Protein backbone atom coordinates (compact mmCIF):
# COMPACT_ATOMS: atom_id res chain seq x y z
CA ASN A 1 -5.73 -18.25 -9.82
CA ASP A 2 -5.56 -21.19 -12.52
CA THR A 3 -8.02 -19.30 -14.79
CA LEU A 4 -6.14 -16.18 -14.79
CA CYS A 5 -2.78 -17.78 -15.31
CA LYS A 6 -4.05 -19.82 -18.48
CA LEU A 7 -5.71 -16.59 -19.78
CA ASN A 8 -2.34 -14.64 -19.36
CA LEU A 9 -0.46 -17.67 -21.21
CA LYS A 10 -3.01 -17.58 -24.08
CA SER A 11 -2.67 -14.05 -24.35
CA ALA A 12 1.07 -14.12 -24.45
CA ARG A 13 1.01 -16.83 -27.10
CA ILE A 14 -1.42 -14.88 -29.25
CA ASP A 15 0.46 -11.83 -29.01
CA ALA A 16 3.77 -13.41 -29.89
CA LEU A 17 2.01 -15.10 -33.10
CA THR A 18 0.26 -12.12 -34.21
CA SER A 19 2.87 -9.97 -35.42
CA PRO A 20 4.85 -12.62 -37.71
CA LEU A 21 1.67 -13.97 -38.80
CA MET A 22 0.30 -10.35 -40.23
CA ASP A 23 3.65 -9.70 -41.75
CA MET A 24 3.63 -12.96 -43.54
CA MET A 25 0.14 -12.54 -44.89
CA GLY A 26 0.63 -9.11 -45.83
CA SER A 27 3.80 -10.28 -47.71
CA VAL A 28 2.01 -13.00 -49.39
CA GLY A 29 -1.01 -10.45 -50.27
CA VAL A 30 1.42 -8.23 -51.99
CA ALA A 31 2.87 -10.84 -53.88
CA VAL A 32 -0.50 -12.18 -55.13
CA VAL A 33 -1.73 -8.61 -55.91
CA ILE A 34 1.27 -7.77 -57.92
CA ILE A 35 1.41 -10.95 -59.98
CA VAL A 36 -2.31 -11.09 -60.71
CA GLY A 37 -2.41 -6.98 -61.15
CA GLY A 38 0.76 -7.14 -63.43
CA ARG A 39 -0.91 -9.86 -65.45
CA GLU A 40 -3.96 -7.74 -65.81
CA VAL A 41 -2.00 -4.78 -66.95
CA ILE A 42 -0.04 -6.72 -69.32
CA ASN A 43 -3.32 -8.21 -70.85
CA GLY A 44 -4.47 -4.40 -71.24
CA SER A 45 -7.68 -5.07 -68.72
CA MET A 46 -6.22 -2.77 -66.22
CA SER A 47 -4.42 0.47 -66.63
CA VAL A 48 -1.06 1.20 -64.92
CA GLY A 49 -2.60 4.22 -62.96
CA SER A 50 -5.31 1.82 -61.72
CA PHE A 51 -2.98 -0.86 -60.62
CA ILE A 52 -0.74 1.49 -58.70
CA SER A 53 -3.71 3.24 -57.14
CA PHE A 54 -4.97 -0.10 -56.09
CA VAL A 55 -1.50 -0.97 -54.54
CA SER A 56 -1.19 2.29 -52.81
CA ALA A 57 -4.63 1.81 -51.05
CA LEU A 58 -3.70 -1.81 -49.85
CA PHE A 59 -0.44 -0.71 -48.18
CA ALA A 60 -2.23 2.30 -46.57
CA ILE A 61 -4.93 -0.12 -45.17
CA TYR A 62 -2.45 -2.59 -44.02
CA THR A 63 -0.88 -0.84 -41.00
CA PRO A 64 -4.32 -0.02 -39.31
CA LEU A 65 -5.39 -3.80 -39.87
CA LYS A 66 -2.15 -4.91 -38.23
CA ARG A 67 -2.74 -2.59 -35.20
CA LEU A 68 -6.22 -3.81 -35.06
CA SER A 69 -5.04 -7.39 -34.81
CA SER A 70 -2.74 -6.56 -31.79
CA LEU A 71 -5.92 -5.11 -29.93
CA TYR A 72 -7.12 -8.91 -29.63
CA GLY A 73 -4.11 -9.64 -27.15
CA LYS A 74 -4.95 -6.59 -25.02
CA LEU A 75 -8.79 -7.47 -25.11
CA GLN A 76 -7.63 -10.79 -23.57
CA GLY A 77 -5.78 -9.14 -20.93
CA ALA A 78 -8.74 -6.91 -20.24
CA VAL A 79 -10.88 -10.10 -20.00
CA ALA A 80 -8.63 -11.68 -17.40
CA ALA A 81 -8.21 -8.68 -15.38
CA SER A 82 -12.17 -7.93 -15.25
CA GLU A 83 -12.66 -11.56 -14.28
CA ARG A 84 -10.17 -11.04 -11.25
CA THR A 85 -11.64 -7.68 -10.34
CA PHE A 86 -15.25 -9.22 -10.42
CA TYR A 87 -13.96 -12.30 -8.36
CA LEU A 88 -12.92 -9.84 -5.63
CA LEU A 89 -15.91 -7.56 -5.80
CA ASP A 90 -18.23 -10.73 -5.36
CA LEU A 91 -16.41 -11.91 -2.26
CA GLU A 92 -18.34 -11.73 0.89
CA PRO A 93 -16.49 -10.41 3.78
CA GLN A 94 -15.82 -12.92 6.59
CA ILE A 95 -15.52 -10.09 9.18
CA LYS A 96 -18.58 -7.86 9.23
CA GLY A 97 -18.17 -6.08 12.55
CA GLY A 98 -21.22 -4.82 14.78
CA SER A 99 -23.63 -2.17 14.44
CA LYS A 100 -22.54 0.38 16.80
CA GLU A 101 -20.79 3.40 15.62
CA LEU A 102 -17.47 4.28 17.15
CA LYS A 103 -17.48 7.77 18.32
CA ASN A 104 -13.94 8.11 19.72
CA ILE A 105 -11.12 5.95 21.03
CA GLU A 106 -9.78 6.85 24.58
CA LYS A 107 -8.25 3.51 25.60
CA ILE A 108 -6.90 0.31 23.85
CA SER A 109 -6.58 -2.94 25.86
CA PHE A 110 -5.38 -6.43 24.59
CA GLU A 111 -6.67 -8.94 27.19
CA ASN A 112 -5.09 -12.59 27.01
CA VAL A 113 -5.42 -12.26 23.09
CA GLU A 114 -4.69 -15.34 21.29
CA PHE A 115 -4.63 -15.50 17.28
CA ALA A 116 -3.76 -17.80 14.48
CA TYR A 117 -4.00 -17.32 10.96
CA GLU A 118 -4.91 -20.50 8.96
CA ASN A 119 -3.76 -23.36 11.35
CA PRO A 120 -5.61 -22.88 14.57
CA HIS A 121 -3.08 -24.98 16.39
CA LYS A 122 -0.14 -22.68 15.54
CA SER A 123 -0.83 -19.53 17.24
CA VAL A 124 1.29 -16.26 16.40
CA LEU A 125 -0.09 -14.62 19.34
CA LYS A 126 -0.39 -16.28 22.76
CA GLY A 127 -1.93 -14.75 25.53
CA VAL A 128 -1.01 -11.06 24.84
CA ASN A 129 -1.89 -8.37 27.53
CA PHE A 130 -1.19 -4.65 27.27
CA ASP A 131 -3.18 -1.43 27.05
CA PHE A 132 -2.38 2.29 26.74
CA VAL A 133 -4.53 5.53 26.68
CA LYS A 134 -4.75 8.70 24.87
CA GLY A 135 -1.62 10.81 25.29
CA GLN A 136 0.60 7.79 25.42
CA MET A 137 2.76 6.30 22.77
CA LEU A 138 3.15 2.53 22.90
CA ALA A 139 5.92 0.63 20.87
CA LEU A 140 6.14 -3.11 19.65
CA VAL A 141 9.39 -4.47 19.64
CA GLY A 142 10.73 -8.03 18.98
CA THR A 143 11.98 -10.86 16.73
CA SER A 144 10.90 -11.37 13.29
CA GLY A 145 7.69 -13.34 13.50
CA GLY A 146 6.92 -12.13 16.88
CA GLY A 147 3.53 -11.05 16.46
CA LYS A 148 4.13 -7.18 16.02
CA SER A 149 2.22 -7.16 12.45
CA SER A 150 -0.56 -9.43 13.63
CA ILE A 151 -1.34 -6.86 16.65
CA ILE A 152 -1.73 -4.25 14.12
CA ASN A 153 -4.06 -6.55 11.70
CA LEU A 154 -6.21 -7.39 15.04
CA LEU A 155 -6.61 -3.80 15.83
CA MET A 156 -7.54 -2.78 12.54
CA TYR A 157 -10.00 -5.74 12.48
CA PHE A 158 -8.72 -7.36 9.25
CA TYR A 159 -8.81 -10.78 11.23
CA GLU A 160 -10.68 -12.02 14.25
CA LYS A 161 -8.92 -13.16 17.32
CA GLN A 162 -9.40 -16.73 18.58
CA LYS A 163 -9.43 -16.15 22.28
CA GLY A 164 -9.19 -13.00 24.62
CA LYS A 165 -10.61 -9.56 24.38
CA ILE A 166 -9.38 -6.68 22.33
CA LEU A 167 -11.35 -3.50 24.11
CA LEU A 168 -11.80 -0.01 22.94
CA ASN A 169 -13.06 2.06 25.89
CA GLN A 170 -13.91 -1.10 27.51
CA GLU A 171 -15.94 -2.44 24.89
CA ASP A 172 -15.24 -5.26 22.53
CA ILE A 173 -13.91 -4.41 19.10
CA SER A 174 -16.53 -6.54 17.52
CA THR A 175 -19.60 -4.42 18.67
CA PHE A 176 -18.46 -1.52 16.40
CA THR A 177 -18.96 -1.11 12.52
CA ILE A 178 -15.74 -1.65 10.33
CA GLU A 179 -16.42 1.78 8.60
CA SER A 180 -16.40 3.71 12.12
CA LEU A 181 -13.26 1.83 13.39
CA HIS A 182 -11.36 2.50 10.28
CA ALA A 183 -12.58 6.33 10.40
CA LYS A 184 -10.77 6.72 13.77
CA ILE A 185 -7.36 4.78 13.01
CA GLY A 186 -4.66 6.12 10.59
CA LEU A 187 -1.99 3.92 9.47
CA VAL A 188 1.42 4.72 8.02
CA THR A 189 3.84 2.20 6.68
CA GLN A 190 7.19 2.02 5.10
CA ASN A 191 5.48 1.44 1.70
CA ILE A 192 3.89 4.74 0.49
CA TYR A 193 2.24 5.16 -2.88
CA LEU A 194 1.83 8.50 -4.13
CA PHE A 195 -0.19 9.19 -7.19
CA ASN A 196 0.48 11.51 -10.16
CA ASP A 197 -1.62 14.31 -8.95
CA SER A 198 -1.40 17.07 -6.70
CA PHE A 199 -0.32 17.20 -3.20
CA ALA A 200 -3.90 18.02 -2.07
CA ALA A 201 -5.49 15.06 -3.86
CA ASN A 202 -2.80 12.72 -2.50
CA ILE A 203 -3.54 13.70 1.17
CA ALA A 204 -7.24 14.05 0.81
CA TYR A 205 -7.01 10.44 -0.77
CA SER A 206 -10.57 9.00 -0.61
CA GLU A 207 -12.02 11.53 1.42
CA GLU A 208 -13.72 14.90 0.41
CA LEU A 209 -10.89 17.39 -0.63
CA GLU A 210 -11.08 20.43 1.89
CA GLU A 211 -8.15 23.00 1.34
CA GLU A 212 -8.16 24.03 4.83
CA LYS A 213 -8.03 20.42 6.18
CA VAL A 214 -5.07 19.74 3.80
CA ILE A 215 -3.01 22.67 5.01
CA GLN A 216 -3.88 21.71 8.67
CA ALA A 217 -2.64 18.22 7.97
CA LEU A 218 0.54 19.11 6.35
CA LYS A 219 1.30 21.52 9.26
CA LEU A 220 0.97 18.79 11.73
CA ALA A 221 3.21 16.75 9.92
CA ASN A 222 5.88 19.31 9.56
CA ALA A 223 5.39 19.16 5.79
CA TYR A 224 3.74 22.49 4.83
CA GLU A 225 7.14 24.40 4.42
CA PHE A 226 8.53 22.28 1.76
CA VAL A 227 5.10 21.70 0.11
CA LYS A 228 5.07 25.65 -0.01
CA GLU A 229 8.59 25.74 -1.40
CA MET A 230 7.47 23.24 -4.09
CA GLY A 231 4.51 25.33 -5.35
CA GLY A 232 1.94 24.78 -2.64
CA ILE A 233 -0.81 22.20 -2.19
CA TRP A 234 -1.89 22.08 -5.69
CA ALA A 235 1.66 21.50 -7.26
CA GLU A 236 2.31 18.14 -8.81
CA VAL A 237 3.54 14.93 -7.38
CA LYS A 238 5.01 12.77 -9.86
CA GLU A 239 4.02 9.03 -9.87
CA HIS A 240 5.47 6.98 -6.83
CA GLY A 241 6.53 10.44 -5.57
CA LYS A 242 9.72 10.57 -7.78
CA ASN A 243 10.07 14.32 -7.14
CA LEU A 244 10.42 13.81 -3.27
CA SER A 245 12.82 12.63 -0.97
CA GLY A 246 12.14 9.50 1.36
CA GLY A 247 11.71 12.04 4.25
CA GLN A 248 9.29 14.19 2.22
CA LYS A 249 7.39 11.19 1.04
CA GLN A 250 7.01 9.79 4.88
CA ARG A 251 5.57 13.42 6.11
CA ILE A 252 2.97 13.21 3.13
CA ALA A 253 2.05 9.78 4.08
CA ILE A 254 1.64 10.93 7.85
CA ALA A 255 -0.49 14.26 6.61
CA ARG A 256 -2.42 11.48 4.51
CA ALA A 257 -3.12 9.62 7.58
CA LEU A 258 -3.97 12.97 9.77
CA TYR A 259 -6.39 14.40 7.25
CA LYS A 260 -9.24 12.44 8.69
CA ASN A 261 -8.10 13.45 12.27
CA PRO A 262 -7.94 9.81 13.94
CA ASP A 263 -7.68 9.10 17.40
CA VAL A 264 -5.24 6.33 16.77
CA LEU A 265 -1.99 6.51 14.67
CA ILE A 266 -0.10 3.45 13.72
CA PHE A 267 3.33 3.54 12.42
CA ASP A 268 4.26 0.09 11.11
CA GLU A 269 8.28 0.68 10.55
CA ALA A 270 7.44 3.77 9.13
CA THR A 271 11.09 5.12 9.21
CA SER A 272 13.07 1.92 8.46
CA ALA A 273 14.06 3.10 4.94
CA LEU A 274 15.05 6.66 5.97
CA ASP A 275 18.55 8.09 6.52
CA ASN A 276 19.45 9.07 10.25
CA GLU A 277 18.59 12.84 9.93
CA SER A 278 14.95 12.19 8.13
CA GLU A 279 14.30 9.46 10.84
CA LYS A 280 15.27 11.85 13.81
CA ALA A 281 12.81 14.63 12.04
CA ILE A 282 9.93 11.87 11.65
CA VAL A 283 10.29 10.54 15.16
CA LYS A 284 10.01 14.17 16.62
CA THR A 285 6.82 14.88 14.60
CA ILE A 286 5.46 11.27 15.99
CA GLU A 287 6.35 12.43 19.43
CA ASN A 288 4.55 15.94 18.92
CA LEU A 289 1.59 14.14 17.64
CA LYS A 290 0.82 12.12 20.78
CA GLN A 291 -0.69 14.78 22.96
CA ASP A 292 -4.48 14.28 21.58
CA ARG A 293 -3.94 10.74 20.07
CA LEU A 294 -3.10 7.32 20.85
CA ILE A 295 0.28 6.27 19.17
CA LEU A 296 1.30 2.90 18.10
CA VAL A 297 4.74 2.30 16.66
CA VAL A 298 6.31 -0.87 15.35
CA ALA A 299 9.86 -0.13 15.88
CA HIS A 300 12.62 -1.13 13.29
CA ARG A 301 15.20 0.73 15.31
CA LEU A 302 15.15 1.10 19.14
CA SER A 303 16.52 4.48 19.09
CA THR A 304 13.20 5.84 17.56
CA ILE A 305 10.95 4.75 20.45
CA GLU A 306 13.51 5.75 23.45
CA ASN A 307 10.85 8.14 24.65
CA ALA A 308 7.84 5.79 24.29
CA ASP A 309 5.66 5.65 27.32
CA LYS A 310 5.38 1.92 27.02
CA ILE A 311 7.53 -0.52 25.16
CA VAL A 312 6.16 -4.14 24.70
CA VAL A 313 8.76 -6.77 24.07
CA LEU A 314 7.46 -9.59 22.03
CA ASP A 315 9.05 -13.19 21.29
CA LYS A 316 7.42 -15.91 19.40
CA GLY A 317 3.88 -14.47 20.06
CA LYS A 318 4.45 -13.72 23.82
CA VAL A 319 4.71 -10.55 25.66
CA LEU A 320 8.18 -11.00 27.68
CA ALA A 321 8.13 -7.31 29.10
CA ILE A 322 6.44 -4.15 29.13
CA GLY A 323 8.36 -0.85 30.46
CA LYS A 324 10.18 2.11 29.56
CA ASP A 325 13.48 2.09 27.71
CA GLU A 326 15.56 2.47 30.95
CA GLU A 327 13.59 -0.11 32.92
CA LEU A 328 13.73 -2.68 29.96
CA LEU A 329 17.42 -2.21 29.78
CA GLN A 330 17.35 -3.41 33.41
CA ALA A 331 15.02 -6.18 33.59
CA CYS A 332 14.84 -7.64 29.76
CA SER A 333 17.73 -9.64 28.36
CA LEU A 334 16.19 -9.69 24.87
CA TYR A 335 15.56 -5.85 24.76
CA GLN A 336 19.33 -5.67 25.94
CA LYS A 337 20.33 -7.93 23.27
CA PHE A 338 18.54 -5.78 20.47
CA LYS A 339 19.97 -2.51 22.11
CA SER A 340 23.66 -3.66 22.06
CA LYS A 341 23.27 -5.31 18.69
CA GLU A 342 21.97 -1.68 17.32
CA LYS A 343 24.89 0.03 18.85
CA THR A 344 27.54 -2.06 17.24
CA LYS A 345 25.99 -1.41 13.67
CA PRO A 346 27.74 1.51 11.62
CA SER A 347 25.74 4.63 11.54
CA PHE A 348 25.33 6.48 8.31
CA SER A 349 23.77 9.94 7.99
């Protein structure tokens, strides 16, 4: 906001001026001390030893004073950051959810869902219909801006739909508490942040850390073997996972999502930044996880969702077709276009 911007500019100006001003004041101060002190020594009012001791003390105190002055700029930055933090903490959530606790999710249904972000006349979802049940993998494909991310946002209940119904086990999503809903959904994206901490701490994340649960999550994500080779679950992960490959980081992200044993796993273009071999391994892991869960995948490459139980093709907020890979190749021209375009792209492993 404007206040934060002004504080940052003020802090930058002060930081830029502090060092040269302190250097100039220090130089002037030393010059004055030498002139006045030298005169006192010449007049016999001060001994040479006392004068040297005074100048030495002056130089000794100058560096700490200069460092102290630089703290003002950091203090200004801290004030700006705290104002922003308290502003966010004071915000009242627009979506508060219901009062019923969600025990499990067996089925998800979208019925004639319409949704717009800020402009109610500019819908990003227009009459969207689909459903899937536990044990199935449903994939979302479509053009950029087609509504794939909006569907995920609505399922996570980050936004409220304008029309239609989003049903969990035949009950509207608005009847459940936000906390119990999020506890049953695991989200894996292409942007993974790993802390400079142990594998165990990174996987447990905000949950209470239990060693057995960490190991179980790693095994489900096919990550336990490489973690053991790196020293086990208490081995260090560097900031941003710099000591891990892209595929390894993705597996840790999957293990993090699995740690709370969710009923629904959402993969939002989770393999888009991986090479072919890593992608194939992750896709195999995802397919193995669907037995006891509902899997929702936003696909970057169609080759990753060829075995999906249902594929929803979206274009400009509308569902064009729903079916398996082979069915859509026969019935949906947009899907055919995506498939042919993908085949013409060079493949690098």
